[in-house]
């Protein structure tokens, strides 16, 4: 082979390898991404892997990419369905106020559209609250549930009083112009960015309101997880664990509310063992 032709072929192979090795940007992957109309919005989700369906839901103000370490690992064992909750990521918003009950309805309709009768559900923070609402209102849809850093009421028994006060005093209008600009330019819906910021703030300030009696009625086996330095008050996490009749508790050492990012290998192994464990 002439030297020039050899160099040209080598360049093509190198370029092809570089393209092949580009990491997946979960939450912005057109090869795995889909939209479905649910209620009054378009819900965005991505699908990876095969096996029993595993629904992944992020926290307040987040997006699918926040669960990238879980997607990459669990797609080896399950059919992972990662969702952008309404008004977040690529999912659209509507004029309705946000509530966890409404967001659980979105997920229920998503599962119906995929002909999924029952799924494992992993929710982080607000995603965990959506999981609790899903298990309450659509129990047949939840085979097993994992909540990570979730609360069932929005008061000072669950969240630090300082955090609640900050949320009460927070609004898009009160932010400095640089912060407002940053929120707008990073939003997929810049014309609604300020409105969505305030709606998401009110969501965690005013919701959820799940009673202990309702928690007692949840039949799905549930793993309650939190970090030992979580923003959710430890006694509240214990209360959630004790209220759920078929629950296990895991407090991850040396971890904050962001344990699915900072302690991903450990958390993933615990979650995987819980999901793959057979009933006795």
C-alpha atoms as a PDB file:
ATOM      1  CA  UNK A   1       0.000   0.000   0.000  1.00  0.00           C
ATOM      2  CA  UNK A   2       1.407   3.435  -0.881  1.00  0.00           C
ATOM      3  CA  UNK A   3       2.484   5.420   2.161  1.00  0.00           C
ATOM      4  CA  UNK A   4      -0.025   8.249   1.537  1.00  0.00           C
ATOM      5  CA  UNK A   5      -2.930   5.791   1.214  1.00  0.00           C
ATOM      6  CA  UNK A   6      -1.809   4.033   4.399  1.00  0.00           C
ATOM      7  CA  UNK A   7      -1.733   7.318   6.333  1.00  0.00           C
ATOM      8  CA  UNK A   8      -5.194   8.213   4.984  1.00  0.00           C
ATOM      9  CA  UNK A   9      -6.648   4.853   6.104  1.00  0.00           C
ATOM     10  CA  UNK A  10      -4.986   5.153   9.501  1.00  0.00           C
ATOM     11  CA  UNK A  11      -6.476   8.624   9.935  1.00  0.00           C
ATOM     12  CA  UNK A  12      -9.951   7.312   9.094  1.00  0.00           C
ATOM     13  CA  UNK A  13      -9.608   4.458  11.577  1.00  0.00           C
ATOM     14  CA  UNK A  14      -8.365   6.797  14.301  1.00  0.00           C
ATOM     15  CA  UNK A  15     -11.239   9.204  13.688  1.00  0.00           C
ATOM     16  CA  UNK A  16     -13.759   6.333  13.728  1.00  0.00           C
ATOM     17  CA  UNK A  17     -12.340   5.034  16.996  1.00  0.00           C
ATOM     18  CA  UNK A  18     -12.535   8.496  18.540  1.00  0.00           C
ATOM     19  CA  UNK A  19     -16.201   8.786  17.543  1.00  0.00           C
ATOM     20  CA  UNK A  20     -16.932   5.315  18.908  1.00  0.00           C
ATOM     21  CA  UNK A  21     -15.298   6.168  22.222  1.00  0.00           C
ATOM     22  CA  UNK A  22     -17.229   9.375  22.803  1.00  0.00           C
ATOM     23  CA  UNK A  23     -19.099   9.046  26.106  1.00  0.00           C
ATOM     24  CA  UNK A  24     -22.885   8.947  26.137  1.00  0.00           C
ATOM     25  CA  UNK A  25     -24.441  12.132  27.440  1.00  0.00           C
ATOM     26  CA  UNK A  26     -27.399  10.697  29.307  1.00  0.00           C
ATOM     27  CA  UNK A  27     -30.359  13.053  29.089  1.00  0.00           C
ATOM     28  CA  UNK A  28     -29.238  14.337  25.691  1.00  0.00           C
ATOM     29  CA  UNK A  29     -28.901  11.114  23.716  1.00  0.00           C
ATOM     30  CA  UNK A  30     -31.098  11.146  20.585  1.00  0.00           C
ATOM     31  CA  UNK A  31     -30.435   7.439  19.993  1.00  0.00           C
ATOM     32  CA  UNK A  32     -32.162   6.527  23.257  1.00  0.00           C
ATOM     33  CA  UNK A  33     -34.506   9.495  23.714  1.00  0.00           C
ATOM     34  CA  UNK A  34     -38.274   9.586  23.241  1.00  0.00           C
ATOM     35  CA  UNK A  35     -41.250  11.839  23.968  1.00  0.00           C
ATOM     36  CA  UNK A  36     -44.720  10.793  25.036  1.00  0.00           C
ATOM     37  CA  UNK A  37     -47.816  12.940  25.623  1.00  0.00           C
ATOM     38  CA  UNK A  38     -49.016  12.507  29.209  1.00  0.00           C
ATOM     39  CA  UNK A  39     -51.697  14.620  30.865  1.00  0.00           C
ATOM     40  CA  UNK A  40     -50.994  18.144  29.570  1.00  0.00           C
ATOM     41  CA  UNK A  41     -47.263  17.899  28.738  1.00  0.00           C
ATOM     42  CA  UNK A  42     -44.664  16.112  26.608  1.00  0.00           C
ATOM     43  CA  UNK A  43     -42.576  13.872  28.856  1.00  0.00           C
ATOM     44  CA  UNK A  44     -39.006  13.047  27.799  1.00  0.00           C
ATOM     45  CA  UNK A  45     -37.385   9.718  28.643  1.00  0.00           C
ATOM     46  CA  UNK A  46     -34.485   7.524  27.557  1.00  0.00           C
ATOM     47  CA  UNK A  47     -34.300   3.718  27.435  1.00  0.00           C
ATOM     48  CA  UNK A  48     -31.217   1.536  27.926  1.00  0.00           C
ATOM     49  CA  UNK A  49     -30.619  -2.178  28.354  1.00  0.00           C
ATOM     50  CA  UNK A  50     -32.956  -5.141  28.600  1.00  0.00           C
ATOM     51  CA  UNK A  51     -34.723  -7.088  31.301  1.00  0.00           C
ATOM     52  CA  UNK A  52     -37.231  -6.173  33.975  1.00  0.00           C
ATOM     53  CA  UNK A  53     -38.145  -2.460  33.671  1.00  0.00           C
ATOM     54  CA  UNK A  54     -36.384  -0.120  36.108  1.00  0.00           C
ATOM     55  CA  UNK A  55     -37.702   3.444  36.250  1.00  0.00           C
ATOM     56  CA  UNK A  56     -35.197   6.133  37.323  1.00  0.00           C
ATOM     57  CA  UNK A  57     -36.316   9.575  38.543  1.00  0.00           C
ATOM     58  CA  UNK A  58     -34.079  12.532  39.458  1.00  0.00           C
ATOM     59  CA  UNK A  59     -34.429  15.248  42.097  1.00  0.00           C
ATOM     60  CA  UNK A  60     -35.763  18.829  42.094  1.00  0.00           C
ATOM     61  CA  UNK A  61     -34.344  20.969  39.298  1.00  0.00           C
ATOM     62  CA  UNK A  62     -32.408  18.012  37.916  1.00  0.00           C
ATOM     63  CA  UNK A  63     -32.408  15.910  34.774  1.00  0.00           C
ATOM     64  CA  UNK A  64     -31.672  12.395  33.558  1.00  0.00           C
ATOM     65  CA  UNK A  65     -27.902  12.984  33.569  1.00  0.00           C
ATOM     66  CA  UNK A  66     -27.926  13.269  37.367  1.00  0.00           C
ATOM     67  CA  UNK A  67     -28.447   9.481  37.398  1.00  0.00           C
ATOM     68  CA  UNK A  68     -25.717   8.719  34.849  1.00  0.00           C
ATOM     69  CA  UNK A  69     -23.802   6.372  37.155  1.00  0.00           C
ATOM     70  CA  UNK A  70     -26.962   4.382  37.835  1.00  0.00           C
ATOM     71  CA  UNK A  71     -27.959   4.189  34.148  1.00  0.00           C
ATOM     72  CA  UNK A  72     -24.550   2.911  33.089  1.00  0.00           C
ATOM     73  CA  UNK A  73     -24.515   0.203  35.764  1.00  0.00           C
ATOM     74  CA  UNK A  74     -28.140  -0.924  35.870  1.00  0.00           C
ATOM     75  CA  UNK A  75     -28.531  -1.164  32.080  1.00  0.00           C
ATOM     76  CA  UNK A  76     -26.405  -4.319  32.414  1.00  0.00           C
ATOM     77  CA  UNK A  77     -29.220  -6.007  34.335  1.00  0.00           C
ATOM     78  CA  UNK A  78     -32.486  -4.178  33.612  1.00  0.00           C
ATOM     79  CA  UNK A  79     -34.408  -2.246  31.005  1.00  0.00           C
ATOM     80  CA  UNK A  80     -33.657   1.226  32.359  1.00  0.00           C
ATOM     81  CA  UNK A  81     -36.228   3.946  31.710  1.00  0.00           C
ATOM     82  CA  UNK A  82     -34.800   7.289  32.840  1.00  0.00           C
ATOM     83  CA  UNK A  83     -37.266  10.179  32.978  1.00  0.00           C
ATOM     84  CA  UNK A  84     -37.077  13.969  32.975  1.00  0.00           C
ATOM     85  CA  UNK A  85     -39.869  14.999  35.356  1.00  0.00           C
ATOM     86  CA  UNK A  86     -42.284  17.644  34.098  1.00  0.00           C
ATOM     87  CA  UNK A  87     -40.833  21.166  33.811  1.00  0.00           C
ATOM     88  CA  UNK A  88     -37.314  19.745  34.099  1.00  0.00           C
ATOM     89  CA  UNK A  89     -34.728  18.590  31.585  1.00  0.00           C
ATOM     90  CA  UNK A  90     -36.361  18.195  28.186  1.00  0.00           C
ATOM     91  CA  UNK A  91     -39.880  17.597  29.523  1.00  0.00           C
ATOM     92  CA  UNK A  92     -42.315  20.444  28.991  1.00  0.00           C
ATOM     93  CA  UNK A  93     -44.339  22.429  31.512  1.00  0.00           C
ATOM     94  CA  UNK A  94     -47.975  23.505  31.658  1.00  0.00           C
ATOM     95  CA  UNK A  95     -50.002  26.123  33.513  1.00  0.00           C
ATOM     96  CA  UNK A  96     -50.749  23.670  36.322  1.00  0.00           C
ATOM     97  CA  UNK A  97     -48.962  23.987  39.642  1.00  0.00           C
ATOM     98  CA  UNK A  98     -46.494  21.197  40.292  1.00  0.00           C
ATOM     99  CA  UNK A  99     -47.425  18.444  42.702  1.00  0.00           C
ATOM    100  CA  UNK A 100     -46.027  14.994  43.335  1.00  0.00           C
ATOM    101  CA  UNK A 101     -49.440  13.466  42.756  1.00  0.00           C
ATOM    102  CA  UNK A 102     -49.556  15.024  39.279  1.00  0.00           C
ATOM    103  CA  UNK A 103     -46.013  13.859  38.520  1.00  0.00           C
ATOM    104  CA  UNK A 104     -46.884  10.318  39.626  1.00  0.00           C
ATOM    105  CA  UNK A 105     -49.797  10.444  37.192  1.00  0.00           C
ATOM    106  CA  UNK A 106     -47.345  11.439  34.441  1.00  0.00           C
ATOM    107  CA  UNK A 107     -45.226   8.374  35.202  1.00  0.00           C
ATOM    108  CA  UNK A 108     -48.249   6.081  35.371  1.00  0.00           C
ATOM    109  CA  UNK A 109     -49.278   7.212  31.885  1.00  0.00           C
ATOM    110  CA  UNK A 110     -45.705   6.763  30.623  1.00  0.00           C
ATOM    111  CA  UNK A 111     -45.686   3.158  31.817  1.00  0.00           C
ATOM    112  CA  UNK A 112     -49.078   2.584  30.194  1.00  0.00           C
ATOM    113  CA  UNK A 113     -47.739   3.942  26.900  1.00  0.00           C
ATOM    114  CA  UNK A 114     -44.872   1.426  27.090  1.00  0.00           C
ATOM    115  CA  UNK A 115     -47.245  -1.432  27.995  1.00  0.00           C
ATOM    116  CA  UNK A 116     -45.439  -1.909  31.296  1.00  0.00           C
ATOM    117  CA  UNK A 117     -47.697  -3.368  33.977  1.00  0.00           C
ATOM    118  CA  UNK A 118     -45.095  -3.352  36.736  1.00  0.00           C
ATOM    119  CA  UNK A 119     -41.630  -1.836  37.168  1.00  0.00           C
ATOM    120  CA  UNK A 120     -38.898  -1.430  39.713  1.00  0.00           C
ATOM    121  CA  UNK A 121     -38.750   2.235  40.730  1.00  0.00           C
ATOM    122  CA  UNK A 122     -35.682   4.163  41.899  1.00  0.00           C
ATOM    123  CA  UNK A 123     -36.233   7.792  42.877  1.00  0.00           C
ATOM    124  CA  UNK A 124     -33.720  10.266  44.235  1.00  0.00           C
ATOM    125  CA  UNK A 125     -34.983  13.117  46.434  1.00  0.00           C
ATOM    126  CA  UNK A 126     -38.111  14.484  44.680  1.00  0.00           C
ATOM    127  CA  UNK A 127     -37.954  11.388  42.479  1.00  0.00           C
ATOM    128  CA  UNK A 128     -38.261   9.283  45.624  1.00  0.00           C
ATOM    129  CA  UNK A 129     -41.353  11.225  46.647  1.00  0.00           C
ATOM    130  CA  UNK A 130     -42.859  10.594  43.198  1.00  0.00           C
ATOM    131  CA  UNK A 131     -42.067   6.917  43.798  1.00  0.00           C
ATOM    132  CA  UNK A 132     -43.988   6.956  47.087  1.00  0.00           C
ATOM    133  CA  UNK A 133     -46.967   8.628  45.383  1.00  0.00           C
ATOM    134  CA  UNK A 134     -46.800   6.081  42.562  1.00  0.00           C
ATOM    135  CA  UNK A 135     -46.790   3.195  45.064  1.00  0.00           C
ATOM    136  CA  UNK A 136     -49.780   4.729  46.858  1.00  0.00           C
ATOM    137  CA  UNK A 137     -51.990   5.579  43.892  1.00  0.00           C
ATOM    138  CA  UNK A 138     -50.905   2.935  41.364  1.00  0.00           C
ATOM    139  CA  UNK A 139     -49.646   0.067  43.542  1.00  0.00           C
ATOM    140  CA  UNK A 140     -49.794  -2.490  40.757  1.00  0.00           C
ATOM    141  CA  UNK A 141     -47.196  -0.468  38.832  1.00  0.00           C
ATOM    142  CA  UNK A 142     -44.495  -0.732  41.528  1.00  0.00           C
ATOM    143  CA  UNK A 143     -42.842  -4.134  41.963  1.00  0.00           C
ATOM    144  CA  UNK A 144     -40.092  -2.746  44.209  1.00  0.00           C
ATOM    145  CA  UNK A 145     -39.277   0.798  45.302  1.00  0.00           C
ATOM    146  CA  UNK A 146     -36.028   2.512  46.273  1.00  0.00           C
ATOM    147  CA  UNK A 147     -36.211   6.001  47.757  1.00  0.00           C
ATOM    148  CA  UNK A 148     -32.988   7.969  48.202  1.00  0.00           C
ATOM    149  CA  UNK A 149     -33.124  11.076  50.399  1.00  0.00           C
ATOM    150  CA  UNK A 150     -36.921  11.351  50.235  1.00  0.00           C
ATOM    151  CA  UNK A 151     -39.354  13.003  52.656  1.00  0.00           C
ATOM    152  CA  UNK A 152     -43.108  12.521  53.090  1.00  0.00           C
ATOM    153  CA  UNK A 153     -43.966  15.913  54.629  1.00  0.00           C
ATOM    154  CA  UNK A 154     -42.385  19.344  53.950  1.00  0.00           C
ATOM    155  CA  UNK A 155     -42.039  20.636  57.521  1.00  0.00           C
ATOM    156  CA  UNK A 156     -39.168  20.979  60.001  1.00  0.00           C
ATOM    157  CA  UNK A 157     -39.446  17.337  61.086  1.00  0.00           C
ATOM    158  CA  UNK A 158     -38.083  16.477  57.648  1.00  0.00           C
ATOM    159  CA  UNK A 159     -36.057  19.468  56.477  1.00  0.00           C
ATOM    160  CA  UNK A 160     -33.770  21.853  58.387  1.00  0.00           C
ATOM    161  CA  UNK A 161     -35.628  24.979  59.510  1.00  0.00           C
ATOM    162  CA  UNK A 162     -32.991  27.164  57.849  1.00  0.00           C
ATOM    163  CA  UNK A 163     -33.582  25.437  54.513  1.00  0.00           C
ATOM    164  CA  UNK A 164     -37.351  25.953  54.796  1.00  0.00           C
ATOM    165  CA  UNK A 165     -36.834  29.625  55.581  1.00  0.00           C
ATOM    166  CA  UNK A 166     -34.542  30.010  52.569  1.00  0.00           C
ATOM    167  CA  UNK A 167     -37.196  28.458  50.330  1.00  0.00           C
ATOM    168  CA  UNK A 168     -39.849  30.803  51.759  1.00  0.00           C
ATOM    169  CA  UNK A 169     -37.681  33.796  50.916  1.00  0.00           C
ATOM    170  CA  UNK A 170     -36.573  32.503  47.525  1.00  0.00           C
ATOM    171  CA  UNK A 171     -37.953  33.625  44.177  1.00  0.00           C
ATOM    172  CA  UNK A 172     -36.554  34.204  40.717  1.00  0.00           C
ATOM    173  CA  UNK A 173     -37.187  37.948  41.066  1.00  0.00           C
ATOM    174  CA  UNK A 174     -34.959  38.116  44.164  1.00  0.00           C
ATOM    175  CA  UNK A 175     -31.962  36.507  42.456  1.00  0.00           C
ATOM    176  CA  UNK A 176     -29.134  38.699  41.221  1.00  0.00           C
ATOM    177  CA  UNK A 177     -29.025  39.346  37.485  1.00  0.00           C
ATOM    178  CA  UNK A 178     -26.026  37.055  36.907  1.00  0.00           C
ATOM    179  CA  UNK A 179     -27.809  34.109  38.527  1.00  0.00           C
ATOM    180  CA  UNK A 180     -30.997  34.856  36.608  1.00  0.00           C
ATOM    181  CA  UNK A 181     -29.030  34.942  33.369  1.00  0.00           C
ATOM    182  CA  UNK A 182     -27.321  31.632  34.188  1.00  0.00           C
ATOM    183  CA  UNK A 183     -30.677  29.935  34.872  1.00  0.00           C
ATOM    184  CA  UNK A 184     -32.172  31.276  31.636  1.00  0.00           C
ATOM    185  CA  UNK A 185     -29.291  30.313  29.352  1.00  0.00           C
ATOM    186  CA  UNK A 186     -29.143  26.775  30.773  1.00  0.00           C
ATOM    187  CA  UNK A 187     -32.887  26.212  30.450  1.00  0.00           C
ATOM    188  CA  UNK A 188     -34.427  24.352  27.515  1.00  0.00           C
ATOM    189  CA  UNK A 189     -37.388  26.722  27.886  1.00  0.00           C
ATOM    190  CA  UNK A 190     -35.771  30.118  28.570  1.00  0.00           C
ATOM    191  CA  UNK A 191     -39.026  32.066  28.242  1.00  0.00           C
ATOM    192  CA  UNK A 192     -40.427  30.049  31.188  1.00  0.00           C
ATOM    193  CA  UNK A 193     -37.224  29.677  33.204  1.00  0.00           C
ATOM    194  CA  UNK A 194     -38.200  32.126  35.941  1.00  0.00           C
ATOM    195  CA  UNK A 195     -41.700  30.725  36.253  1.00  0.00           C
ATOM    196  CA  UNK A 196     -40.379  27.168  36.441  1.00  0.00           C
ATOM    197  CA  UNK A 197     -37.782  28.163  39.068  1.00  0.00           C
ATOM    198  CA  UNK A 198     -40.550  29.488  41.309  1.00  0.00           C
ATOM    199  CA  UNK A 199     -42.819  26.488  40.682  1.00  0.00           C
ATOM    200  CA  UNK A 200     -40.049  24.054  41.609  1.00  0.00           C
ATOM    201  CA  UNK A 201     -39.327  26.049  44.763  1.00  0.00           C
ATOM    202  CA  UNK A 202     -43.003  25.992  45.786  1.00  0.00           C
ATOM    203  CA  UNK A 203     -43.167  22.265  45.075  1.00  0.00           C
ATOM    204  CA  UNK A 204     -40.666  21.412  47.816  1.00  0.00           C
ATOM    205  CA  UNK A 205     -41.896  24.159  50.131  1.00  0.00           C
ATOM    206  CA  UNK A 206     -45.554  23.055  50.048  1.00  0.00           C
ATOM    207  CA  UNK A 207     -45.398  19.326  49.249  1.00  0.00           C
ATOM    208  CA  UNK A 208     -45.692  16.394  49.859  1.00  0.00           C
ATOM    209  CA  UNK A 209     -48.367  15.596  52.453  1.00  0.00           C
ATOM    210  CA  UNK A 210     -48.325  11.827  52.826  1.00  0.00           C
ATOM    211  CA  UNK A 211     -49.718  10.499  56.109  1.00  0.00           C
ATOM    212  CA  UNK A 212     -48.304   7.661  58.175  1.00  0.00           C
ATOM    213  CA  UNK A 213     -51.549   5.785  57.554  1.00  0.00           C
ATOM    214  CA  UNK A 214     -50.986   6.068  53.810  1.00  0.00           C
ATOM    215  CA  UNK A 215     -47.401   4.882  54.159  1.00  0.00           C
ATOM    216  CA  UNK A 216     -48.637   1.856  56.129  1.00  0.00           C
ATOM    217  CA  UNK A 217     -50.754   0.909  53.101  1.00  0.00           C
ATOM    218  CA  UNK A 218     -47.834   0.684  50.642  1.00  0.00           C
ATOM    219  CA  UNK A 219     -47.343  -2.975  49.767  1.00  0.00           C
ATOM    220  CA  UNK A 220     -44.238  -2.772  47.573  1.00  0.00           C
ATOM    221  CA  UNK A 221     -40.951  -3.954  49.088  1.00  0.00           C
ATOM    222  CA  UNK A 222     -39.063  -0.722  49.664  1.00  0.00           C
ATOM    223  CA  UNK A 223     -35.447   0.176  50.281  1.00  0.00           C
ATOM    224  CA  UNK A 224     -35.148   3.484  52.143  1.00  0.00           C
ATOM    225  CA  UNK A 225     -31.726   5.049  51.581  1.00  0.00           C
ATOM    226  CA  UNK A 226     -30.088   8.247  52.777  1.00  0.00           C
ATOM    227  CA  UNK A 227     -26.648   9.599  53.538  1.00  0.00           C
ATOM    228  CA  UNK A 228     -25.485   9.922  57.113  1.00  0.00           C
ATOM    229  CA  UNK A 229     -25.092  13.658  56.384  1.00  0.00           C
ATOM    230  CA  UNK A 230     -28.247  13.980  54.266  1.00  0.00           C
ATOM    231  CA  UNK A 231     -30.307  17.184  54.189  1.00  0.00           C
ATOM    232  CA  UNK A 232     -33.277  15.022  55.146  1.00  0.00           C
ATOM    233  CA  UNK A 233     -33.282  14.848  58.954  1.00  0.00           C
ATOM    234  CA  UNK A 234     -32.218  11.374  60.126  1.00  0.00           C
ATOM    235  CA  UNK A 235     -35.211  10.831  62.409  1.00  0.00           C
ATOM    236  CA  UNK A 236     -37.519  11.540  59.460  1.00  0.00           C
ATOM    237  CA  UNK A 237     -35.780   8.903  57.345  1.00  0.00           C
ATOM    238  CA  UNK A 238     -36.178   6.455  60.248  1.00  0.00           C
ATOM    239  CA  UNK A 239     -39.856   7.381  60.517  1.00  0.00           C
ATOM    240  CA  UNK A 240     -40.327   6.669  56.797  1.00  0.00           C
ATOM    241  CA  UNK A 241     -38.603   3.297  57.189  1.00  0.00           C
ATOM    242  CA  UNK A 242     -40.720   2.299  60.202  1.00  0.00           C
ATOM    243  CA  UNK A 243     -43.968   3.401  58.532  1.00  0.00           C
ATOM    244  CA  UNK A 244     -43.464   1.233  55.438  1.00  0.00           C
ATOM    245  CA  UNK A 245     -44.543  -2.345  56.205  1.00  0.00           C
ATOM    246  CA  UNK A 246     -42.122  -4.089  53.820  1.00  0.00           C
ATOM    247  CA  UNK A 247     -39.051  -1.906  54.054  1.00  0.00           C
ATOM    248  CA  UNK A 248     -35.295  -2.102  54.502  1.00  0.00           C
ATOM    249  CA  UNK A 249     -33.067   0.747  55.645  1.00  0.00           C
ATOM    250  CA  UNK A 250     -29.640   1.764  54.377  1.00  0.00           C
ATOM    251  CA  UNK A 251     -27.793   4.783  55.752  1.00  0.00           C
ATOM    252  CA  UNK A 252     -24.696   5.256  53.604  1.00  0.00           C
ATOM    253  CA  UNK A 253     -21.660   6.283  55.665  1.00  0.00           C
ATOM    254  CA  UNK A 254     -19.732   9.392  54.726  1.00  0.00           C
ATOM    255  CA  UNK A 255     -22.477  10.457  52.311  1.00  0.00           C
ATOM    256  CA  UNK A 256     -24.593  13.537  51.739  1.00  0.00           C
ATOM    257  CA  UNK A 257     -27.871  14.027  49.855  1.00  0.00           C
ATOM    258  CA  UNK A 258     -25.843  13.498  46.676  1.00  0.00           C
ATOM    259  CA  UNK A 259     -24.841   9.928  47.520  1.00  0.00           C
ATOM    260  CA  UNK A 260     -25.880   8.538  44.098  1.00  0.00           C
ATOM    261  CA  UNK A 261     -23.089  10.652  42.641  1.00  0.00           C
ATOM    262  CA  UNK A 262     -20.466  10.674  45.387  1.00  0.00           C
ATOM    263  CA  UNK A 263     -20.880   7.081  46.593  1.00  0.00           C
ATOM    264  CA  UNK A 264     -22.207   5.562  43.378  1.00  0.00           C
ATOM    265  CA  UNK A 265     -20.351   2.184  43.383  1.00  0.00           C
ATOM    266  CA  UNK A 266     -21.455   1.377  46.944  1.00  0.00           C
ATOM    267  CA  UNK A 267     -25.005   2.636  46.461  1.00  0.00           C
ATOM    268  CA  UNK A 268     -25.366   0.788  43.156  1.00  0.00           C
ATOM    269  CA  UNK A 269     -24.241  -2.501  44.670  1.00  0.00           C
ATOM    270  CA  UNK A 270     -26.714  -2.190  47.548  1.00  0.00           C
ATOM    271  CA  UNK A 271     -29.560  -1.280  45.181  1.00  0.00           C
ATOM    272  CA  UNK A 272     -28.686  -4.082  42.749  1.00  0.00           C
ATOM    273  CA  UNK A 273     -28.679  -6.660  45.554  1.00  0.00           C
ATOM    274  CA  UNK A 274     -32.056  -5.413  46.766  1.00  0.00           C
ATOM    275  CA  UNK A 275     -33.607  -5.603  43.304  1.00  0.00           C
ATOM    276  CA  UNK A 276     -32.184  -9.011  42.401  1.00  0.00           C
ATOM    277  CA  UNK A 277     -32.910 -10.601  45.764  1.00  0.00           C
ATOM    278  CA  UNK A 278     -35.591 -13.282  45.560  1.00  0.00           C
ATOM    279  CA  UNK A 279     -38.545 -13.308  47.906  1.00  0.00           C
ATOM    280  CA  UNK A 280     -38.170 -15.775  50.782  1.00  0.00           C
END
